[in-house]
Amino acid sequence: MRIRSATPRRPLTRLVPRRLLATLVGLAILAVPAVAIASHQFSDVPTNHRFHDDIDAIADAGVTVGCGGGKYCPDAFVTRGQVAAFLNRLGALAEGTTPVVNADRVDGLDASAFMPAATYIIVEEASVLAGETNGLNVSCDGGDRVLSGGLFDVELQTHVTDNYPFDTDTWEAFLLNTGLNDDEFSLHVLCADFAPVHEE
């Protein structure tokens, strides 16, 4: 049996001229940053990452500070504690924190800007005979909007079968009286002049 002796390989520098090798290494070093250019926020979130803009946005808003060392760790699991921290930073749930998002405003206006007129309640009274059903509709004044409604003074023998906004300005309710006595009830409807006011 013949045994072949291994011939030691010559160093790479002997195969490739040193000047050419230095040039190749220099080009490789220059090429790597071009491929891995990262966000100014986190070194592991390149600009071509599918969530780059989302991650930048929550970092800019102060919702996240990453996972340390200038990284975000976009593929790492998030603990329930970290979710709590994200939500608290976003909505300022803890005392002494400022919300990133102000959910009580629309286009910078709070609810009072959308309801310049005073709200008012319309009350209609009716009765439902023993063993029968009765319905009642209450409408707001022309052009106004219904906000909510509800039944009052309904006896235990009477069952509310429907109680809901019929359309934008009317509340509708239906009752079934299963008792032996007639029942008096009232329907209260909260209305408002809902013409939005936008100050330019």
N, C-alpha and C. Protein backbone atom coordinates (compact mmCIF):
# COMPACT_ATOMS: atom_id res chain seq x y z
N MET A 1 0.85 -1.17 0.00
CA MET A 1 0.00 0.00 0.00
C MET A 1 0.89 1.22 0.00
N ARG A 2 0.56 2.12 -0.90
CA ARG A 2 1.35 3.35 -1.00
C ARG A 2 0.74 4.45 -0.16
N ILE A 3 1.52 5.15 0.59
CA ILE A 3 1.05 6.29 1.38
C ILE A 3 1.62 7.54 0.76
N ARG A 4 0.68 8.46 0.44
CA ARG A 4 1.11 9.72 -0.16
C ARG A 4 1.42 10.71 0.92
N SER A 5 2.52 11.32 0.86
CA SER A 5 2.84 12.35 1.84
C SER A 5 2.22 13.67 1.40
N ALA A 6 1.63 14.38 2.35
CA ALA A 6 0.99 15.66 2.02
C ALA A 6 2.05 16.71 1.85
N THR A 7 1.91 17.46 0.77
CA THR A 7 2.84 18.56 0.51
C THR A 7 2.28 19.81 1.16
N PRO A 8 3.04 20.46 2.03
CA PRO A 8 2.53 21.68 2.65
C PRO A 8 2.21 22.72 1.60
N ARG A 9 1.06 23.39 1.81
CA ARG A 9 0.66 24.42 0.85
C ARG A 9 1.50 25.66 1.08
N ARG A 10 1.72 26.35 -0.02
CA ARG A 10 2.46 27.59 0.10
C ARG A 10 1.56 28.68 0.65
N PRO A 11 2.08 29.60 1.42
CA PRO A 11 1.27 30.70 1.94
C PRO A 11 0.63 31.46 0.79
N LEU A 12 -0.54 32.04 1.10
CA LEU A 12 -1.29 32.78 0.08
C LEU A 12 -0.48 33.95 -0.45
N THR A 13 0.34 34.51 0.41
CA THR A 13 1.12 35.66 -0.03
C THR A 13 2.14 35.29 -1.11
N ARG A 14 2.49 34.03 -1.19
CA ARG A 14 3.42 33.62 -2.23
C ARG A 14 2.69 33.38 -3.54
N LEU A 15 1.39 33.04 -3.43
CA LEU A 15 0.62 32.82 -4.65
C LEU A 15 0.10 34.13 -5.24
N VAL A 16 -0.27 35.04 -4.34
CA VAL A 16 -0.81 36.34 -4.78
C VAL A 16 0.15 37.42 -4.34
N PRO A 17 0.54 38.30 -5.25
CA PRO A 17 1.46 39.38 -4.86
C PRO A 17 0.89 40.18 -3.70
N ARG A 18 1.77 40.60 -2.79
CA ARG A 18 1.33 41.32 -1.59
C ARG A 18 0.56 42.59 -1.92
N ARG A 19 0.94 43.30 -2.92
CA ARG A 19 0.26 44.53 -3.29
C ARG A 19 -1.18 44.22 -3.72
N LEU A 20 -1.35 43.15 -4.51
CA LEU A 20 -2.68 42.77 -4.98
C LEU A 20 -3.53 42.29 -3.81
N LEU A 21 -2.89 41.55 -2.88
CA LEU A 21 -3.62 41.07 -1.71
C LEU A 21 -4.10 42.24 -0.86
N ALA A 22 -3.27 43.23 -0.65
CA ALA A 22 -3.66 44.41 0.12
C ALA A 22 -4.80 45.15 -0.55
N THR A 23 -4.74 45.22 -1.87
CA THR A 23 -5.81 45.88 -2.61
C THR A 23 -7.12 45.12 -2.45
N LEU A 24 -7.09 43.78 -2.54
CA LEU A 24 -8.29 42.97 -2.38
C LEU A 24 -8.89 43.10 -0.98
N VAL A 25 -8.02 43.06 0.03
CA VAL A 25 -8.50 43.22 1.41
C VAL A 25 -9.12 44.60 1.60
N GLY A 26 -8.48 45.62 1.07
CA GLY A 26 -9.02 46.98 1.17
C GLY A 26 -10.38 47.10 0.52
N LEU A 27 -10.53 46.50 -0.66
CA LEU A 27 -11.82 46.53 -1.36
C LEU A 27 -12.89 45.78 -0.57
N ALA A 28 -12.50 44.66 0.03
CA ALA A 28 -13.46 43.88 0.83
C ALA A 28 -13.94 44.69 2.03
N ILE A 29 -13.01 45.38 2.67
CA ILE A 29 -13.38 46.20 3.84
C ILE A 29 -14.32 47.32 3.43
N LEU A 30 -14.04 47.92 2.28
CA LEU A 30 -14.90 48.99 1.80
C LEU A 30 -16.27 48.47 1.37
N ALA A 31 -16.32 47.26 0.87
CA ALA A 31 -17.57 46.71 0.37
C ALA A 31 -18.50 46.30 1.49
N VAL A 32 -18.00 45.86 2.64
CA VAL A 32 -18.85 45.37 3.73
C VAL A 32 -19.78 46.45 4.26
N PRO A 33 -19.29 47.67 4.57
CA PRO A 33 -20.24 48.67 5.05
C PRO A 33 -21.32 49.01 4.04
N ALA A 34 -21.02 48.94 2.78
CA ALA A 34 -22.03 49.26 1.76
C ALA A 34 -23.17 48.26 1.81
N VAL A 35 -22.88 47.02 2.16
CA VAL A 35 -23.92 46.00 2.24
C VAL A 35 -24.68 46.11 3.55
N ALA A 36 -23.99 46.47 4.62
CA ALA A 36 -24.61 46.46 5.94
C ALA A 36 -24.84 47.85 6.49
N ILE A 37 -25.12 48.81 5.62
CA ILE A 37 -25.41 50.15 6.11
C ILE A 37 -26.64 50.08 6.99
N ALA A 38 -26.53 50.55 8.21
CA ALA A 38 -27.63 50.41 9.15
C ALA A 38 -28.27 51.76 9.44
N SER A 39 -29.41 51.67 10.09
CA SER A 39 -30.12 52.85 10.54
C SER A 39 -29.24 53.64 11.49
N HIS A 40 -29.45 54.96 11.54
CA HIS A 40 -28.70 55.75 12.52
C HIS A 40 -29.15 55.41 13.93
N GLN A 41 -30.29 54.71 14.07
CA GLN A 41 -30.80 54.34 15.38
C GLN A 41 -30.10 53.09 15.92
N PHE A 42 -30.10 52.01 15.12
CA PHE A 42 -29.60 50.73 15.59
C PHE A 42 -28.71 50.09 14.52
N SER A 43 -27.57 49.56 14.95
CA SER A 43 -26.61 49.00 14.01
C SER A 43 -27.10 47.71 13.35
N ASP A 44 -28.08 47.03 13.95
CA ASP A 44 -28.55 45.77 13.37
C ASP A 44 -29.88 45.91 12.62
N VAL A 45 -30.24 47.15 12.28
CA VAL A 45 -31.44 47.39 11.48
C VAL A 45 -31.03 48.13 10.21
N PRO A 46 -30.65 47.40 9.17
CA PRO A 46 -30.25 48.06 7.93
C PRO A 46 -31.42 48.81 7.30
N THR A 47 -31.09 49.76 6.47
CA THR A 47 -32.14 50.58 5.85
C THR A 47 -33.06 49.76 4.96
N ASN A 48 -32.62 48.60 4.51
CA ASN A 48 -33.50 47.77 3.68
C ASN A 48 -34.29 46.74 4.49
N HIS A 49 -34.20 46.81 5.83
CA HIS A 49 -34.97 45.90 6.68
C HIS A 49 -36.46 46.22 6.53
N ARG A 50 -37.30 45.20 6.47
CA ARG A 50 -38.72 45.43 6.20
C ARG A 50 -39.41 46.25 7.28
N PHE A 51 -38.87 46.27 8.51
CA PHE A 51 -39.48 47.05 9.59
C PHE A 51 -38.63 48.26 9.97
N HIS A 52 -37.70 48.65 9.10
CA HIS A 52 -36.79 49.75 9.40
C HIS A 52 -37.54 51.02 9.81
N ASP A 53 -38.51 51.45 8.99
CA ASP A 53 -39.22 52.70 9.27
C ASP A 53 -40.06 52.60 10.54
N ASP A 54 -40.67 51.44 10.78
CA ASP A 54 -41.47 51.26 11.99
C ASP A 54 -40.60 51.34 13.23
N ILE A 55 -39.45 50.68 13.17
CA ILE A 55 -38.54 50.67 14.31
C ILE A 55 -38.01 52.08 14.56
N ASP A 56 -37.65 52.78 13.50
CA ASP A 56 -37.19 54.17 13.64
C ASP A 56 -38.27 55.04 14.29
N ALA A 57 -39.52 54.83 13.86
CA ALA A 57 -40.61 55.68 14.35
C ALA A 57 -40.81 55.51 15.86
N ILE A 58 -40.82 54.25 16.34
CA ILE A 58 -41.04 54.08 17.78
C ILE A 58 -39.81 54.45 18.59
N ALA A 59 -38.64 54.39 17.96
CA ALA A 59 -37.43 54.86 18.64
C ALA A 59 -37.46 56.38 18.75
N ASP A 60 -37.84 57.06 17.66
CA ASP A 60 -37.94 58.52 17.68
C ASP A 60 -38.95 59.00 18.71
N ALA A 61 -40.05 58.22 18.87
CA ALA A 61 -41.10 58.60 19.81
C ALA A 61 -40.75 58.26 21.25
N GLY A 62 -39.65 57.53 21.46
CA GLY A 62 -39.25 57.19 22.82
C GLY A 62 -39.92 55.94 23.36
N VAL A 63 -40.56 55.16 22.48
CA VAL A 63 -41.23 53.93 22.93
C VAL A 63 -40.22 52.82 23.19
N THR A 64 -39.13 52.80 22.42
CA THR A 64 -38.11 51.77 22.61
C THR A 64 -36.72 52.40 22.62
N VAL A 65 -35.82 51.75 23.33
CA VAL A 65 -34.43 52.18 23.35
C VAL A 65 -33.53 51.07 22.84
N GLY A 66 -34.15 50.02 22.28
CA GLY A 66 -33.37 48.91 21.76
C GLY A 66 -33.04 47.89 22.84
N CYS A 67 -32.11 46.99 22.50
CA CYS A 67 -31.76 45.90 23.43
C CYS A 67 -30.38 46.10 24.04
N GLY A 68 -29.77 47.26 23.80
CA GLY A 68 -28.47 47.56 24.37
C GLY A 68 -27.35 47.49 23.36
N GLY A 69 -26.29 48.22 23.62
CA GLY A 69 -25.13 48.21 22.74
C GLY A 69 -25.40 48.80 21.37
N GLY A 70 -26.39 49.68 21.28
CA GLY A 70 -26.71 50.30 19.99
C GLY A 70 -27.46 49.37 19.05
N LYS A 71 -28.02 48.29 19.58
CA LYS A 71 -28.76 47.32 18.74
C LYS A 71 -30.22 47.31 19.13
N TYR A 72 -31.04 46.83 18.19
CA TYR A 72 -32.48 46.69 18.43
C TYR A 72 -32.88 45.23 18.63
N CYS A 73 -32.11 44.30 18.08
CA CYS A 73 -32.42 42.86 18.13
C CYS A 73 -33.80 42.59 17.52
N PRO A 74 -33.98 42.90 16.23
CA PRO A 74 -35.31 42.83 15.62
C PRO A 74 -35.92 41.44 15.58
N ASP A 75 -35.13 40.38 15.68
CA ASP A 75 -35.68 39.03 15.62
C ASP A 75 -35.75 38.35 16.98
N ALA A 76 -35.46 39.09 18.06
CA ALA A 76 -35.50 38.52 19.39
C ALA A 76 -36.93 38.49 19.93
N PHE A 77 -37.20 37.57 20.83
CA PHE A 77 -38.51 37.50 21.47
C PHE A 77 -38.67 38.65 22.46
N VAL A 78 -39.92 39.07 22.68
CA VAL A 78 -40.23 40.15 23.61
C VAL A 78 -40.95 39.56 24.81
N THR A 79 -40.52 39.91 26.01
CA THR A 79 -41.16 39.40 27.22
C THR A 79 -42.41 40.22 27.54
N ARG A 80 -43.24 39.68 28.42
CA ARG A 80 -44.44 40.42 28.85
C ARG A 80 -44.05 41.71 29.56
N GLY A 81 -42.93 41.69 30.26
CA GLY A 81 -42.46 42.90 30.92
C GLY A 81 -42.09 43.98 29.92
N GLN A 82 -41.42 43.57 28.84
CA GLN A 82 -41.05 44.54 27.82
C GLN A 82 -42.29 45.11 27.11
N VAL A 83 -43.29 44.26 26.88
CA VAL A 83 -44.55 44.74 26.28
C VAL A 83 -45.17 45.79 27.19
N ALA A 84 -45.17 45.54 28.50
CA ALA A 84 -45.71 46.51 29.45
C ALA A 84 -44.97 47.84 29.36
N ALA A 85 -43.64 47.76 29.23
CA ALA A 85 -42.85 48.99 29.12
C ALA A 85 -43.19 49.74 27.84
N PHE A 86 -43.31 49.01 26.72
CA PHE A 86 -43.69 49.65 25.45
C PHE A 86 -45.03 50.38 25.58
N LEU A 87 -46.03 49.66 26.12
CA LEU A 87 -47.37 50.24 26.23
C LEU A 87 -47.40 51.43 27.17
N ASN A 88 -46.65 51.34 28.26
CA ASN A 88 -46.62 52.46 29.19
C ASN A 88 -45.97 53.68 28.56
N ARG A 89 -44.88 53.47 27.83
CA ARG A 89 -44.24 54.61 27.16
C ARG A 89 -45.15 55.20 26.08
N LEU A 90 -45.91 54.34 25.43
CA LEU A 90 -46.80 54.80 24.36
C LEU A 90 -47.98 55.59 24.91
N GLY A 91 -48.63 55.06 25.94
CA GLY A 91 -49.85 55.68 26.43
C GLY A 91 -49.74 56.38 27.76
N ALA A 92 -48.57 56.44 28.36
CA ALA A 92 -48.36 57.10 29.65
C ALA A 92 -49.35 56.59 30.69
N LEU A 93 -49.35 55.28 30.90
CA LEU A 93 -50.28 54.70 31.85
C LEU A 93 -49.83 54.89 33.29
N ALA A 94 -48.53 54.96 33.50
CA ALA A 94 -48.02 55.12 34.86
C ALA A 94 -47.99 56.60 35.25
N GLU A 95 -48.08 56.83 36.53
CA GLU A 95 -48.07 58.20 37.04
C GLU A 95 -46.74 58.88 36.71
N GLY A 96 -46.82 60.12 36.28
CA GLY A 96 -45.62 60.89 35.99
C GLY A 96 -45.02 60.66 34.61
N THR A 97 -45.72 59.94 33.75
CA THR A 97 -45.22 59.72 32.39
C THR A 97 -46.04 60.54 31.40
N THR A 98 -45.42 60.87 30.28
CA THR A 98 -46.08 61.67 29.25
C THR A 98 -46.41 60.77 28.06
N PRO A 99 -47.65 60.81 27.56
CA PRO A 99 -48.00 59.92 26.45
C PRO A 99 -47.32 60.32 25.15
N VAL A 100 -46.93 59.32 24.37
CA VAL A 100 -46.38 59.57 23.04
C VAL A 100 -47.52 59.89 22.08
N VAL A 101 -48.66 59.20 22.27
CA VAL A 101 -49.83 59.40 21.42
C VAL A 101 -50.94 59.99 22.27
N ASN A 102 -51.59 61.04 21.78
CA ASN A 102 -52.71 61.64 22.50
C ASN A 102 -53.99 61.19 21.83
N ALA A 103 -54.60 60.13 22.36
CA ALA A 103 -55.76 59.53 21.71
C ALA A 103 -57.05 60.29 21.96
N ASP A 104 -57.04 61.33 22.81
CA ASP A 104 -58.29 62.04 23.05
C ASP A 104 -58.46 63.23 22.11
N ARG A 105 -57.65 63.29 21.05
CA ARG A 105 -57.77 64.39 20.09
C ARG A 105 -57.87 63.87 18.66
N VAL A 106 -58.60 64.59 17.84
CA VAL A 106 -58.72 64.30 16.41
C VAL A 106 -58.27 65.55 15.68
N ASP A 107 -57.25 65.44 14.85
CA ASP A 107 -56.69 66.59 14.16
C ASP A 107 -56.33 67.71 15.13
N GLY A 108 -55.87 67.32 16.32
CA GLY A 108 -55.46 68.31 17.30
C GLY A 108 -56.58 68.92 18.10
N LEU A 109 -57.83 68.53 17.84
CA LEU A 109 -58.98 69.10 18.54
C LEU A 109 -59.54 68.08 19.52
N ASP A 110 -59.95 68.55 20.72
CA ASP A 110 -60.57 67.62 21.65
C ASP A 110 -62.08 67.54 21.37
N ALA A 111 -62.77 66.70 22.13
CA ALA A 111 -64.18 66.42 21.86
C ALA A 111 -65.05 67.67 21.91
N SER A 112 -64.70 68.65 22.74
CA SER A 112 -65.54 69.84 22.87
C SER A 112 -65.61 70.63 21.56
N ALA A 113 -64.59 70.52 20.72
CA ALA A 113 -64.60 71.23 19.44
C ALA A 113 -65.60 70.63 18.46
N PHE A 114 -65.95 69.36 18.68
CA PHE A 114 -66.89 68.70 17.79
C PHE A 114 -68.33 68.79 18.29
N MET A 115 -68.52 69.35 19.48
CA MET A 115 -69.86 69.51 20.03
C MET A 115 -70.00 70.91 20.61
N PRO A 116 -70.06 71.91 19.75
CA PRO A 116 -70.11 73.28 20.25
C PRO A 116 -71.42 73.61 20.94
N ALA A 117 -72.53 72.98 20.55
CA ALA A 117 -73.81 73.27 21.17
C ALA A 117 -74.00 72.39 22.40
N ALA A 118 -74.83 72.85 23.30
CA ALA A 118 -75.11 72.06 24.49
C ALA A 118 -75.89 70.80 24.10
N THR A 119 -75.59 69.73 24.79
CA THR A 119 -76.38 68.51 24.58
C THR A 119 -77.70 68.66 25.33
N TYR A 120 -78.68 67.90 24.94
CA TYR A 120 -79.99 67.96 25.60
C TYR A 120 -80.61 66.57 25.60
N ILE A 121 -81.54 66.37 26.52
CA ILE A 121 -82.20 65.08 26.65
C ILE A 121 -83.68 65.23 26.32
N ILE A 122 -84.17 64.32 25.51
CA ILE A 122 -85.60 64.24 25.22
C ILE A 122 -86.16 63.04 25.96
N VAL A 123 -87.25 63.24 26.68
CA VAL A 123 -87.88 62.16 27.43
C VAL A 123 -89.29 61.96 26.90
N GLU A 124 -89.58 60.74 26.50
CA GLU A 124 -90.92 60.37 26.05
C GLU A 124 -91.45 59.28 26.98
N GLU A 125 -92.71 59.42 27.39
CA GLU A 125 -93.32 58.43 28.27
C GLU A 125 -94.35 57.63 27.50
N ALA A 126 -94.49 56.37 27.86
CA ALA A 126 -95.46 55.51 27.19
C ALA A 126 -95.83 54.38 28.14
N SER A 127 -96.72 53.52 27.70
CA SER A 127 -97.10 52.37 28.51
C SER A 127 -97.16 51.13 27.64
N VAL A 128 -97.03 49.98 28.29
CA VAL A 128 -97.17 48.71 27.59
C VAL A 128 -98.21 47.90 28.37
N LEU A 129 -99.25 47.47 27.68
CA LEU A 129 -100.34 46.76 28.32
C LEU A 129 -99.92 45.36 28.74
N ALA A 130 -100.58 44.83 29.74
CA ALA A 130 -100.27 43.49 30.24
C ALA A 130 -100.41 42.47 29.11
N GLY A 131 -99.39 41.63 28.95
CA GLY A 131 -99.42 40.58 27.95
C GLY A 131 -99.18 41.06 26.52
N GLU A 132 -98.79 42.33 26.35
CA GLU A 132 -98.59 42.87 25.01
C GLU A 132 -97.19 43.46 24.85
N THR A 133 -96.92 43.90 23.62
CA THR A 133 -95.65 44.57 23.33
C THR A 133 -95.91 46.01 22.91
N ASN A 134 -94.91 46.84 23.04
CA ASN A 134 -95.01 48.22 22.60
C ASN A 134 -93.63 48.72 22.20
N GLY A 135 -93.59 49.56 21.18
CA GLY A 135 -92.34 50.16 20.74
C GLY A 135 -92.43 51.67 20.82
N LEU A 136 -91.28 52.29 20.93
CA LEU A 136 -91.25 53.75 21.03
C LEU A 136 -90.01 54.27 20.32
N ASN A 137 -90.19 55.29 19.47
CA ASN A 137 -89.08 55.97 18.79
C ASN A 137 -88.99 57.40 19.31
N VAL A 138 -87.78 57.85 19.58
CA VAL A 138 -87.56 59.25 19.98
C VAL A 138 -86.50 59.82 19.05
N SER A 139 -86.84 60.95 18.40
CA SER A 139 -85.92 61.59 17.46
C SER A 139 -85.42 62.91 18.00
N CYS A 140 -84.17 63.22 17.71
CA CYS A 140 -83.60 64.52 18.07
C CYS A 140 -84.17 65.58 17.14
N ASP A 141 -83.94 66.85 17.50
CA ASP A 141 -84.39 67.94 16.64
C ASP A 141 -83.72 67.85 15.28
N GLY A 142 -84.33 68.42 14.28
CA GLY A 142 -83.82 68.34 12.91
C GLY A 142 -82.35 68.71 12.80
N GLY A 143 -81.55 67.82 12.19
CA GLY A 143 -80.13 68.06 11.97
C GLY A 143 -79.24 67.67 13.14
N ASP A 144 -79.85 67.40 14.31
CA ASP A 144 -79.04 67.01 15.46
C ASP A 144 -78.81 65.50 15.44
N ARG A 145 -77.91 65.03 16.28
CA ARG A 145 -77.52 63.63 16.28
C ARG A 145 -77.80 62.98 17.63
N VAL A 146 -78.21 61.73 17.59
CA VAL A 146 -78.43 60.98 18.83
C VAL A 146 -77.09 60.44 19.32
N LEU A 147 -76.83 60.62 20.61
CA LEU A 147 -75.59 60.13 21.21
C LEU A 147 -75.82 58.83 21.97
N SER A 148 -76.92 58.75 22.70
CA SER A 148 -77.24 57.53 23.43
C SER A 148 -78.70 57.57 23.85
N GLY A 149 -79.16 56.46 24.39
CA GLY A 149 -80.54 56.40 24.85
C GLY A 149 -80.71 55.29 25.86
N GLY A 150 -81.83 55.31 26.57
CA GLY A 150 -82.07 54.26 27.55
C GLY A 150 -83.47 54.34 28.12
N LEU A 151 -83.94 53.20 28.62
CA LEU A 151 -85.28 53.07 29.19
C LEU A 151 -85.22 53.22 30.70
N PHE A 152 -86.26 53.86 31.26
CA PHE A 152 -86.36 54.06 32.69
C PHE A 152 -87.73 53.59 33.18
N ASP A 153 -87.79 53.30 34.47
CA ASP A 153 -89.05 52.95 35.14
C ASP A 153 -89.71 51.71 34.55
N VAL A 154 -88.90 50.75 34.09
CA VAL A 154 -89.45 49.52 33.54
C VAL A 154 -89.61 48.52 34.70
N GLU A 155 -90.82 47.98 34.86
CA GLU A 155 -91.09 47.04 35.94
C GLU A 155 -90.45 45.67 35.66
N LEU A 156 -90.32 44.87 36.67
CA LEU A 156 -89.71 43.55 36.52
C LEU A 156 -90.51 42.63 35.60
N GLN A 157 -91.79 42.90 35.47
CA GLN A 157 -92.62 42.06 34.61
C GLN A 157 -92.43 42.39 33.13
N THR A 158 -91.75 43.48 32.83
CA THR A 158 -91.58 43.93 31.45
C THR A 158 -90.15 43.67 31.00
N HIS A 159 -90.03 43.08 29.82
CA HIS A 159 -88.72 42.74 29.28
C HIS A 159 -88.39 43.66 28.11
N VAL A 160 -87.18 44.21 28.12
CA VAL A 160 -86.71 45.04 27.01
C VAL A 160 -86.21 44.09 25.92
N THR A 161 -86.87 44.10 24.77
CA THR A 161 -86.46 43.20 23.70
C THR A 161 -85.48 43.86 22.73
N ASP A 162 -85.59 45.17 22.55
CA ASP A 162 -84.65 45.92 21.71
C ASP A 162 -84.48 47.31 22.26
N ASN A 163 -83.26 47.84 22.18
CA ASN A 163 -82.97 49.17 22.70
C ASN A 163 -81.71 49.65 22.01
N TYR A 164 -81.85 50.45 20.96
CA TYR A 164 -80.69 50.76 20.11
C TYR A 164 -80.95 52.02 19.27
N PRO A 165 -79.89 52.64 18.72
CA PRO A 165 -80.09 53.77 17.81
C PRO A 165 -80.63 53.26 16.48
N PHE A 166 -81.77 53.79 16.06
CA PHE A 166 -82.38 53.37 14.81
C PHE A 166 -81.62 53.94 13.61
N ASP A 167 -81.21 55.19 13.71
CA ASP A 167 -80.36 55.83 12.70
C ASP A 167 -79.59 56.95 13.40
N THR A 168 -79.09 57.91 12.65
CA THR A 168 -78.23 58.93 13.26
C THR A 168 -78.96 59.90 14.18
N ASP A 169 -80.29 59.99 14.06
CA ASP A 169 -80.99 60.96 14.91
C ASP A 169 -82.15 60.35 15.70
N THR A 170 -82.31 59.05 15.70
CA THR A 170 -83.46 58.41 16.37
C THR A 170 -83.01 57.22 17.20
N TRP A 171 -83.60 57.12 18.41
CA TRP A 171 -83.40 55.95 19.27
C TRP A 171 -84.70 55.17 19.31
N GLU A 172 -84.58 53.84 19.28
CA GLU A 172 -85.76 52.99 19.21
C GLU A 172 -85.71 51.94 20.31
N ALA A 173 -86.87 51.66 20.92
CA ALA A 173 -86.93 50.66 21.98
C ALA A 173 -88.23 49.86 21.86
N PHE A 174 -88.15 48.58 22.22
CA PHE A 174 -89.32 47.70 22.21
C PHE A 174 -89.37 46.94 23.53
N LEU A 175 -90.60 46.77 24.05
CA LEU A 175 -90.78 46.09 25.32
C LEU A 175 -91.87 45.03 25.21
N LEU A 176 -91.74 44.01 26.04
CA LEU A 176 -92.73 42.94 26.13
C LEU A 176 -93.15 42.83 27.59
N ASN A 177 -94.45 43.00 27.83
CA ASN A 177 -94.97 42.93 29.19
C ASN A 177 -95.55 41.53 29.42
N THR A 178 -94.90 40.73 30.24
CA THR A 178 -95.36 39.37 30.51
C THR A 178 -96.18 39.28 31.80
N GLY A 179 -96.41 40.44 32.43
CA GLY A 179 -97.13 40.44 33.70
C GLY A 179 -98.64 40.58 33.53
N LEU A 180 -99.30 40.78 34.65
CA LEU A 180 -100.76 40.92 34.67
C LEU A 180 -101.19 42.38 34.72
N ASN A 181 -100.23 43.28 34.89
CA ASN A 181 -100.57 44.70 35.02
C ASN A 181 -99.90 45.50 33.92
N ASP A 182 -100.53 46.63 33.56
CA ASP A 182 -99.93 47.54 32.60
C ASP A 182 -98.67 48.16 33.20
N ASP A 183 -97.75 48.59 32.35
CA ASP A 183 -96.49 49.16 32.84
C ASP A 183 -96.23 50.49 32.15
N GLU A 184 -95.96 51.50 32.96
CA GLU A 184 -95.56 52.81 32.45
C GLU A 184 -94.04 52.85 32.38
N PHE A 185 -93.51 53.41 31.31
CA PHE A 185 -92.05 53.52 31.19
C PHE A 185 -91.71 54.81 30.47
N SER A 186 -90.43 55.15 30.44
CA SER A 186 -89.98 56.34 29.71
C SER A 186 -88.69 56.02 28.96
N LEU A 187 -88.53 56.68 27.82
CA LEU A 187 -87.33 56.53 27.00
C LEU A 187 -86.60 57.87 26.99
N HIS A 188 -85.36 57.86 27.46
CA HIS A 188 -84.54 59.07 27.52
C HIS A 188 -83.51 59.01 26.39
N VAL A 189 -83.39 60.08 25.63
CA VAL A 189 -82.46 60.12 24.50
C VAL A 189 -81.57 61.35 24.63
N LEU A 190 -80.27 61.14 24.56
CA LEU A 190 -79.30 62.24 24.62
C LEU A 190 -78.96 62.68 23.20
N CYS A 191 -79.17 63.96 22.92
CA CYS A 191 -78.96 64.51 21.57
C CYS A 191 -77.93 65.63 21.62
N ALA A 192 -77.35 65.93 20.46
CA ALA A 192 -76.40 67.05 20.35
C ALA A 192 -76.38 67.57 18.93
N ASP A 193 -76.12 68.87 18.84
CA ASP A 193 -75.86 69.48 17.55
C ASP A 193 -74.44 69.07 17.19
N PHE A 194 -74.30 68.11 16.30
CA PHE A 194 -73.02 67.47 16.05
C PHE A 194 -72.28 68.06 14.87
N ALA A 195 -72.59 69.28 14.47
CA ALA A 195 -71.89 69.90 13.35
C ALA A 195 -70.45 70.17 13.76
N PRO A 196 -69.45 69.51 13.14
CA PRO A 196 -68.06 69.70 13.56
C PRO A 196 -67.58 71.13 13.30
N VAL A 197 -66.77 71.62 14.20
CA VAL A 197 -66.19 72.95 14.04
C VAL A 197 -64.68 72.76 13.86
N HIS A 198 -64.16 73.16 12.71
CA HIS A 198 -62.72 73.07 12.45
C HIS A 198 -62.19 74.49 12.26
N GLU A 199 -61.31 74.88 13.12
CA GLU A 199 -60.72 76.21 12.98
C GLU A 199 -59.47 76.10 12.14
N GLU A 200 -59.45 76.84 11.04
CA GLU A 200 -58.29 76.80 10.14
C GLU A 200 -57.19 77.69 10.69
